[in-house]
């Protein structure tokens, strides 16, 4: 089990499912939503993800059709994303993890639209578009 929470501690979640990937996403939505050059994202099976405290504190925002982002309504901490085209997955903002997921980022996604002022300097694979589940 892996635990996570928001900055103020009102919202808490647990991951009991399989971790599917850990990556850096450079898409414009993730950049805007994170306020940074990219977002660190951990994907897990939807069936193994659950909110264990503070569900009533969550605020949902539809950033584009079929893509809903959830954040704490008190502290504003970005928590996770649900996408209609991937109903079996939850995309967790890795910064909200309280526990070590026992894996490190595996790749960069959406590098074709990355911030022009950011240079990727590590040796991780770079994908011009999004994550494809295998």
N, C-alpha and C. Protein backbone atom coordinates (compact mmCIF):
# COMPACT_ATOMS: atom_id res chain seq x y z
N UNK A 1 0.83 -1.18 0.00
CA UNK A 1 0.00 0.00 0.00
C UNK A 1 0.88 1.25 0.00
N UNK A 2 0.44 2.24 -0.75
CA UNK A 2 1.12 3.53 -0.80
C UNK A 2 0.10 4.59 -0.39
N UNK A 3 0.52 5.48 0.49
CA UNK A 3 -0.38 6.53 0.97
C UNK A 3 0.01 7.88 0.39
N UNK A 4 -0.99 8.76 0.33
CA UNK A 4 -0.75 10.12 -0.10
C UNK A 4 -1.75 11.05 0.56
N UNK A 5 -1.44 12.35 0.52
CA UNK A 5 -2.34 13.33 1.12
C UNK A 5 -2.08 14.70 0.52
N UNK A 6 -3.00 15.61 0.82
CA UNK A 6 -2.83 16.99 0.38
C UNK A 6 -1.92 17.72 1.37
N UNK A 7 -1.60 18.96 1.08
CA UNK A 7 -0.69 19.75 1.91
C UNK A 7 -1.23 19.97 3.32
N UNK A 8 -2.53 20.24 3.44
CA UNK A 8 -3.10 20.51 4.76
C UNK A 8 -3.50 19.24 5.50
N UNK A 9 -3.48 18.09 4.84
CA UNK A 9 -3.80 16.81 5.48
C UNK A 9 -5.27 16.47 5.50
N UNK A 10 -6.13 17.30 4.92
CA UNK A 10 -7.57 17.03 4.94
C UNK A 10 -7.95 15.86 4.05
N UNK A 11 -7.28 15.72 2.91
CA UNK A 11 -7.59 14.64 1.96
C UNK A 11 -6.47 13.61 2.01
N UNK A 12 -6.87 12.36 2.16
CA UNK A 12 -5.90 11.26 2.20
C UNK A 12 -6.37 10.16 1.25
N UNK A 13 -5.40 9.51 0.61
CA UNK A 13 -5.74 8.40 -0.29
C UNK A 13 -4.78 7.24 -0.06
N UNK A 14 -5.18 6.09 -0.58
CA UNK A 14 -4.34 4.89 -0.55
C UNK A 14 -4.34 4.25 -1.93
N UNK A 15 -3.20 3.70 -2.29
CA UNK A 15 -3.06 2.95 -3.54
C UNK A 15 -2.81 1.49 -3.16
N UNK A 16 -3.72 0.64 -3.55
CA UNK A 16 -3.58 -0.79 -3.30
C UNK A 16 -3.36 -1.55 -4.60
N UNK A 17 -3.51 -0.86 -5.72
CA UNK A 17 -3.40 -1.50 -7.03
C UNK A 17 -1.98 -1.48 -7.57
N UNK A 18 -1.86 -2.04 -8.74
CA UNK A 18 -0.59 -2.10 -9.44
C UNK A 18 -0.22 -0.71 -9.96
N UNK A 19 1.03 -0.35 -9.82
CA UNK A 19 1.53 0.90 -10.40
C UNK A 19 1.85 0.63 -11.87
N UNK A 20 1.31 1.43 -12.76
CA UNK A 20 1.44 1.19 -14.20
C UNK A 20 2.58 1.97 -14.83
N UNK A 21 2.86 3.14 -14.31
CA UNK A 21 3.98 3.92 -14.82
C UNK A 21 4.21 5.12 -13.92
N UNK A 22 5.41 5.67 -14.04
CA UNK A 22 5.80 6.89 -13.33
C UNK A 22 6.55 7.70 -14.37
N UNK A 23 6.07 8.90 -14.65
CA UNK A 23 6.66 9.66 -15.74
C UNK A 23 6.54 11.16 -15.51
N UNK A 24 7.23 11.88 -16.36
CA UNK A 24 7.13 13.34 -16.40
C UNK A 24 6.28 13.69 -17.61
N UNK A 25 5.23 14.48 -17.39
CA UNK A 25 4.35 14.89 -18.49
C UNK A 25 4.59 16.36 -18.79
N UNK A 26 4.88 16.67 -20.04
CA UNK A 26 5.20 18.02 -20.49
C UNK A 26 4.05 18.67 -21.26
N UNK A 27 2.86 18.07 -21.26
CA UNK A 27 1.75 18.64 -22.02
C UNK A 27 1.37 20.01 -21.45
N UNK A 28 0.79 20.87 -22.27
CA UNK A 28 0.41 22.21 -21.80
C UNK A 28 -0.54 22.19 -20.60
N UNK A 29 -1.48 21.22 -20.57
CA UNK A 29 -2.40 21.15 -19.43
C UNK A 29 -1.65 20.88 -18.13
N UNK A 30 -0.73 19.92 -18.15
CA UNK A 30 0.03 19.60 -16.93
C UNK A 30 0.94 20.75 -16.52
N UNK A 31 1.51 21.43 -17.50
CA UNK A 31 2.36 22.58 -17.18
C UNK A 31 1.53 23.67 -16.50
N UNK A 32 0.40 24.01 -17.07
CA UNK A 32 -0.46 25.04 -16.48
C UNK A 32 -0.95 24.62 -15.10
N UNK A 33 -1.40 23.37 -15.00
CA UNK A 33 -1.98 22.89 -13.75
C UNK A 33 -0.94 22.81 -12.63
N UNK A 34 0.29 22.45 -12.98
CA UNK A 34 1.34 22.32 -11.96
C UNK A 34 2.07 23.62 -11.70
N UNK A 35 2.01 24.56 -12.67
CA UNK A 35 2.76 25.80 -12.53
C UNK A 35 4.25 25.58 -12.71
N UNK A 36 4.62 24.52 -13.43
CA UNK A 36 6.02 24.16 -13.60
C UNK A 36 6.25 23.70 -15.04
N UNK A 37 7.49 23.30 -15.34
CA UNK A 37 7.84 22.86 -16.68
C UNK A 37 7.20 21.52 -17.05
N UNK A 38 6.83 20.73 -16.06
CA UNK A 38 6.22 19.43 -16.28
C UNK A 38 5.56 18.97 -14.99
N UNK A 39 4.83 17.89 -15.07
CA UNK A 39 4.19 17.30 -13.90
C UNK A 39 4.75 15.90 -13.70
N UNK A 40 5.01 15.54 -12.46
CA UNK A 40 5.44 14.17 -12.14
C UNK A 40 4.18 13.36 -11.86
N UNK A 41 3.94 12.35 -12.68
CA UNK A 41 2.68 11.61 -12.65
C UNK A 41 2.92 10.13 -12.43
N UNK A 42 2.14 9.58 -11.53
CA UNK A 42 2.18 8.15 -11.24
C UNK A 42 0.81 7.59 -11.61
N UNK A 43 0.76 6.61 -12.50
CA UNK A 43 -0.52 6.00 -12.90
C UNK A 43 -0.69 4.69 -12.16
N UNK A 44 -1.93 4.44 -11.72
CA UNK A 44 -2.26 3.21 -11.03
C UNK A 44 -3.61 2.70 -11.52
N UNK A 45 -3.92 1.47 -11.17
CA UNK A 45 -5.21 0.89 -11.52
C UNK A 45 -6.31 1.60 -10.72
N UNK A 46 -7.39 1.96 -11.38
CA UNK A 46 -8.48 2.66 -10.72
C UNK A 46 -9.09 1.84 -9.59
N UNK A 47 -9.18 0.53 -9.78
CA UNK A 47 -9.78 -0.33 -8.75
C UNK A 47 -8.96 -0.36 -7.46
N UNK A 48 -7.69 -0.02 -7.54
CA UNK A 48 -6.83 -0.07 -6.36
C UNK A 48 -6.58 1.29 -5.73
N UNK A 49 -7.33 2.31 -6.15
CA UNK A 49 -7.16 3.66 -5.61
C UNK A 49 -8.42 4.04 -4.84
N UNK A 50 -8.21 4.58 -3.63
CA UNK A 50 -9.39 5.03 -2.88
C UNK A 50 -9.05 6.20 -1.98
N UNK A 51 -10.01 7.08 -1.85
CA UNK A 51 -9.92 8.21 -0.93
C UNK A 51 -10.34 7.67 0.43
N UNK A 52 -9.50 7.85 1.44
CA UNK A 52 -9.80 7.32 2.77
C UNK A 52 -10.18 8.40 3.77
N UNK A 53 -9.97 9.67 3.43
CA UNK A 53 -10.38 10.77 4.29
C UNK A 53 -10.53 12.03 3.46
N UNK A 54 -11.49 12.86 3.82
CA UNK A 54 -11.63 14.17 3.21
C UNK A 54 -12.25 14.23 1.84
N UNK A 55 -12.98 13.19 1.43
CA UNK A 55 -13.57 13.20 0.10
C UNK A 55 -14.43 14.45 -0.13
N UNK A 56 -15.08 14.92 0.93
CA UNK A 56 -15.93 16.11 0.81
C UNK A 56 -15.10 17.38 0.59
N UNK A 57 -13.81 17.33 0.84
CA UNK A 57 -12.92 18.48 0.61
C UNK A 57 -12.44 18.57 -0.83
N UNK A 58 -12.61 17.49 -1.59
CA UNK A 58 -12.13 17.47 -2.97
C UNK A 58 -12.97 18.37 -3.87
N UNK A 59 -12.30 19.10 -4.72
CA UNK A 59 -12.94 19.90 -5.75
C UNK A 59 -12.54 19.31 -7.08
N UNK A 60 -13.52 19.19 -7.97
CA UNK A 60 -13.29 18.60 -9.28
C UNK A 60 -13.33 19.70 -10.34
N UNK A 61 -12.38 19.62 -11.26
CA UNK A 61 -12.29 20.61 -12.34
C UNK A 61 -12.11 19.87 -13.65
N UNK A 62 -13.00 20.12 -14.61
CA UNK A 62 -12.87 19.50 -15.93
C UNK A 62 -11.98 20.41 -16.79
N UNK A 63 -10.73 20.00 -16.96
CA UNK A 63 -9.76 20.82 -17.68
C UNK A 63 -9.93 20.74 -19.20
N UNK A 64 -10.51 19.67 -19.66
CA UNK A 64 -10.87 19.50 -21.07
C UNK A 64 -11.91 18.39 -21.09
N UNK A 65 -12.66 18.26 -22.19
CA UNK A 65 -13.71 17.24 -22.22
C UNK A 65 -13.18 15.85 -21.85
N UNK A 66 -13.80 15.25 -20.84
CA UNK A 66 -13.43 13.91 -20.42
C UNK A 66 -12.22 13.83 -19.51
N UNK A 67 -11.66 14.96 -19.11
CA UNK A 67 -10.47 14.95 -18.25
C UNK A 67 -10.79 15.76 -16.99
N UNK A 68 -10.93 15.06 -15.85
CA UNK A 68 -11.28 15.69 -14.59
C UNK A 68 -10.11 15.64 -13.61
N UNK A 69 -9.76 16.81 -13.11
CA UNK A 69 -8.67 16.95 -12.15
C UNK A 69 -9.27 17.22 -10.77
N UNK A 70 -8.66 16.61 -9.75
CA UNK A 70 -9.17 16.74 -8.39
C UNK A 70 -8.11 17.39 -7.52
N UNK A 71 -8.55 18.34 -6.71
CA UNK A 71 -7.64 19.02 -5.80
C UNK A 71 -8.35 19.31 -4.49
N UNK A 72 -7.57 19.55 -3.44
CA UNK A 72 -8.12 19.86 -2.13
C UNK A 72 -8.71 21.27 -2.18
N UNK A 73 -9.97 21.40 -1.79
CA UNK A 73 -10.63 22.69 -1.79
C UNK A 73 -10.14 23.62 -0.70
N UNK A 74 -9.40 23.10 0.27
CA UNK A 74 -8.87 23.94 1.35
C UNK A 74 -7.49 24.49 1.01
N UNK A 75 -6.55 23.61 0.70
CA UNK A 75 -5.17 24.07 0.47
C UNK A 75 -4.81 24.18 -1.01
N UNK A 76 -5.65 23.66 -1.91
CA UNK A 76 -5.39 23.76 -3.34
C UNK A 76 -4.45 22.71 -3.89
N UNK A 77 -4.00 21.78 -3.07
CA UNK A 77 -3.06 20.75 -3.52
C UNK A 77 -3.68 19.91 -4.63
N UNK A 78 -2.93 19.78 -5.73
CA UNK A 78 -3.37 18.93 -6.82
C UNK A 78 -3.15 17.48 -6.44
N UNK A 79 -4.21 16.66 -6.59
CA UNK A 79 -4.15 15.29 -6.10
C UNK A 79 -4.08 14.24 -7.22
N UNK A 80 -5.07 14.24 -8.10
CA UNK A 80 -5.10 13.21 -9.13
C UNK A 80 -5.99 13.64 -10.29
N UNK A 81 -5.95 12.82 -11.34
CA UNK A 81 -6.71 13.08 -12.56
C UNK A 81 -7.41 11.79 -12.97
N UNK A 82 -8.63 11.93 -13.48
CA UNK A 82 -9.36 10.81 -14.09
C UNK A 82 -9.66 11.21 -15.52
N UNK A 83 -9.44 10.31 -16.45
CA UNK A 83 -9.67 10.57 -17.87
C UNK A 83 -10.68 9.56 -18.41
N UNK A 84 -11.69 10.06 -19.10
CA UNK A 84 -12.74 9.20 -19.66
C UNK A 84 -12.18 8.15 -20.61
N UNK A 85 -11.10 8.49 -21.34
CA UNK A 85 -10.54 7.52 -22.29
C UNK A 85 -9.67 6.46 -21.60
N UNK A 86 -9.45 6.62 -20.30
CA UNK A 86 -8.70 5.63 -19.50
C UNK A 86 -9.43 5.39 -18.18
N UNK A 87 -10.65 4.85 -18.23
CA UNK A 87 -11.44 4.68 -17.01
C UNK A 87 -10.83 3.70 -16.00
N UNK A 88 -9.94 2.87 -16.46
CA UNK A 88 -9.31 1.86 -15.60
C UNK A 88 -8.07 2.40 -14.88
N UNK A 89 -7.75 3.69 -15.08
CA UNK A 89 -6.53 4.26 -14.50
C UNK A 89 -6.83 5.54 -13.73
N UNK A 90 -5.98 5.82 -12.73
CA UNK A 90 -5.98 7.09 -12.01
C UNK A 90 -4.56 7.63 -12.13
N UNK A 91 -4.45 8.91 -12.48
CA UNK A 91 -3.16 9.56 -12.64
C UNK A 91 -2.92 10.45 -11.42
N UNK A 92 -2.01 10.04 -10.58
CA UNK A 92 -1.75 10.70 -9.31
C UNK A 92 -0.59 11.67 -9.45
N UNK A 93 -0.73 12.85 -8.87
CA UNK A 93 0.36 13.82 -8.82
C UNK A 93 1.36 13.30 -7.79
N UNK A 94 2.53 12.95 -8.26
CA UNK A 94 3.52 12.28 -7.40
C UNK A 94 3.92 13.14 -6.20
N UNK A 95 3.82 14.45 -6.31
CA UNK A 95 4.15 15.31 -5.19
C UNK A 95 3.22 15.15 -4.00
N UNK A 96 2.06 14.52 -4.20
CA UNK A 96 1.13 14.29 -3.09
C UNK A 96 1.37 12.96 -2.37
N UNK A 97 2.35 12.18 -2.82
CA UNK A 97 2.66 10.90 -2.16
C UNK A 97 3.28 11.15 -0.78
N UNK A 98 2.88 10.33 0.18
CA UNK A 98 3.51 10.34 1.50
C UNK A 98 4.52 9.21 1.63
N UNK A 99 4.33 8.16 0.85
CA UNK A 99 5.20 6.99 0.90
C UNK A 99 6.02 6.89 -0.38
N UNK A 100 7.11 6.16 -0.30
CA UNK A 100 7.97 5.91 -1.46
C UNK A 100 7.29 4.87 -2.36
N UNK A 101 7.05 5.18 -3.62
CA UNK A 101 6.39 4.21 -4.50
C UNK A 101 7.31 3.05 -4.93
N UNK A 102 8.57 3.11 -4.53
CA UNK A 102 9.53 2.06 -4.87
C UNK A 102 9.77 1.97 -6.38
N UNK A 103 9.60 3.08 -7.07
CA UNK A 103 9.95 3.17 -8.48
C UNK A 103 10.29 4.63 -8.76
N UNK A 104 11.03 4.84 -9.82
CA UNK A 104 11.41 6.19 -10.22
C UNK A 104 10.82 6.48 -11.60
N UNK A 105 10.75 7.74 -12.00
CA UNK A 105 10.21 8.04 -13.32
C UNK A 105 10.93 7.27 -14.42
N UNK A 106 10.12 6.84 -15.39
CA UNK A 106 10.62 5.98 -16.46
C UNK A 106 10.78 6.68 -17.80
N UNK A 107 10.11 7.84 -17.96
CA UNK A 107 10.13 8.50 -19.27
C UNK A 107 9.58 9.91 -19.18
N UNK A 108 9.76 10.64 -20.26
CA UNK A 108 9.16 11.96 -20.46
C UNK A 108 8.11 11.79 -21.56
N UNK A 109 6.90 12.35 -21.35
CA UNK A 109 5.83 12.29 -22.35
C UNK A 109 5.45 13.69 -22.80
N UNK A 110 4.92 13.77 -24.00
CA UNK A 110 4.49 15.01 -24.64
C UNK A 110 5.66 15.99 -24.79
N UNK A 111 6.81 15.45 -25.15
CA UNK A 111 7.98 16.32 -25.33
C UNK A 111 7.86 17.20 -26.58
N UNK A 112 6.95 16.85 -27.49
CA UNK A 112 6.76 17.67 -28.69
C UNK A 112 6.18 19.04 -28.35
N UNK A 113 5.59 19.17 -27.18
CA UNK A 113 4.99 20.45 -26.76
C UNK A 113 5.55 20.93 -25.43
N UNK A 114 6.74 20.48 -25.09
CA UNK A 114 7.34 20.89 -23.81
C UNK A 114 7.62 22.39 -23.80
N UNK A 115 7.82 22.94 -22.63
CA UNK A 115 8.14 24.36 -22.49
C UNK A 115 9.45 24.65 -23.24
N UNK A 116 9.47 25.65 -24.10
CA UNK A 116 10.68 25.93 -24.89
C UNK A 116 11.86 26.38 -24.04
N UNK A 117 11.60 26.83 -22.83
CA UNK A 117 12.66 27.31 -21.95
C UNK A 117 13.22 26.22 -21.05
N UNK A 118 12.70 24.98 -21.19
CA UNK A 118 13.18 23.88 -20.36
C UNK A 118 13.93 22.87 -21.22
N UNK A 119 15.13 22.50 -20.79
CA UNK A 119 15.93 21.50 -21.49
C UNK A 119 15.95 20.21 -20.69
N UNK A 120 15.57 19.11 -21.32
CA UNK A 120 15.61 17.79 -20.68
C UNK A 120 17.06 17.32 -20.73
N UNK A 121 17.64 17.08 -19.57
CA UNK A 121 19.07 16.74 -19.53
C UNK A 121 19.34 15.33 -19.01
N UNK A 122 18.29 14.58 -18.65
CA UNK A 122 18.54 13.21 -18.19
C UNK A 122 18.49 12.25 -19.37
N UNK A 123 18.73 11.00 -19.11
CA UNK A 123 18.79 10.00 -20.18
C UNK A 123 17.51 9.17 -20.31
N UNK A 124 16.42 9.59 -19.67
CA UNK A 124 15.16 8.85 -19.78
C UNK A 124 14.61 8.93 -21.20
N UNK A 125 13.89 7.91 -21.65
CA UNK A 125 13.28 7.96 -22.97
C UNK A 125 12.34 9.16 -23.09
N UNK A 126 12.28 9.74 -24.28
CA UNK A 126 11.42 10.88 -24.55
C UNK A 126 10.41 10.49 -25.61
N UNK A 127 9.13 10.73 -25.31
CA UNK A 127 8.04 10.40 -26.23
C UNK A 127 7.34 11.69 -26.66
N UNK A 128 7.19 11.93 -27.96
CA UNK A 128 6.58 13.17 -28.41
C UNK A 128 5.11 13.31 -28.02
N UNK A 129 4.43 12.18 -27.76
CA UNK A 129 3.04 12.22 -27.36
C UNK A 129 2.83 11.46 -26.06
N UNK A 130 1.57 11.09 -25.78
CA UNK A 130 1.20 10.56 -24.48
C UNK A 130 1.52 9.10 -24.23
N UNK A 131 1.17 8.68 -23.02
CA UNK A 131 1.39 7.34 -22.51
C UNK A 131 0.47 6.35 -23.20
N UNK A 132 1.02 5.24 -23.66
CA UNK A 132 0.24 4.16 -24.25
C UNK A 132 0.37 2.96 -23.34
N UNK A 133 -0.76 2.52 -22.81
CA UNK A 133 -0.78 1.36 -21.91
C UNK A 133 -0.46 0.10 -22.69
N UNK A 134 0.44 -0.72 -22.15
CA UNK A 134 0.83 -1.95 -22.83
C UNK A 134 0.06 -3.13 -22.31
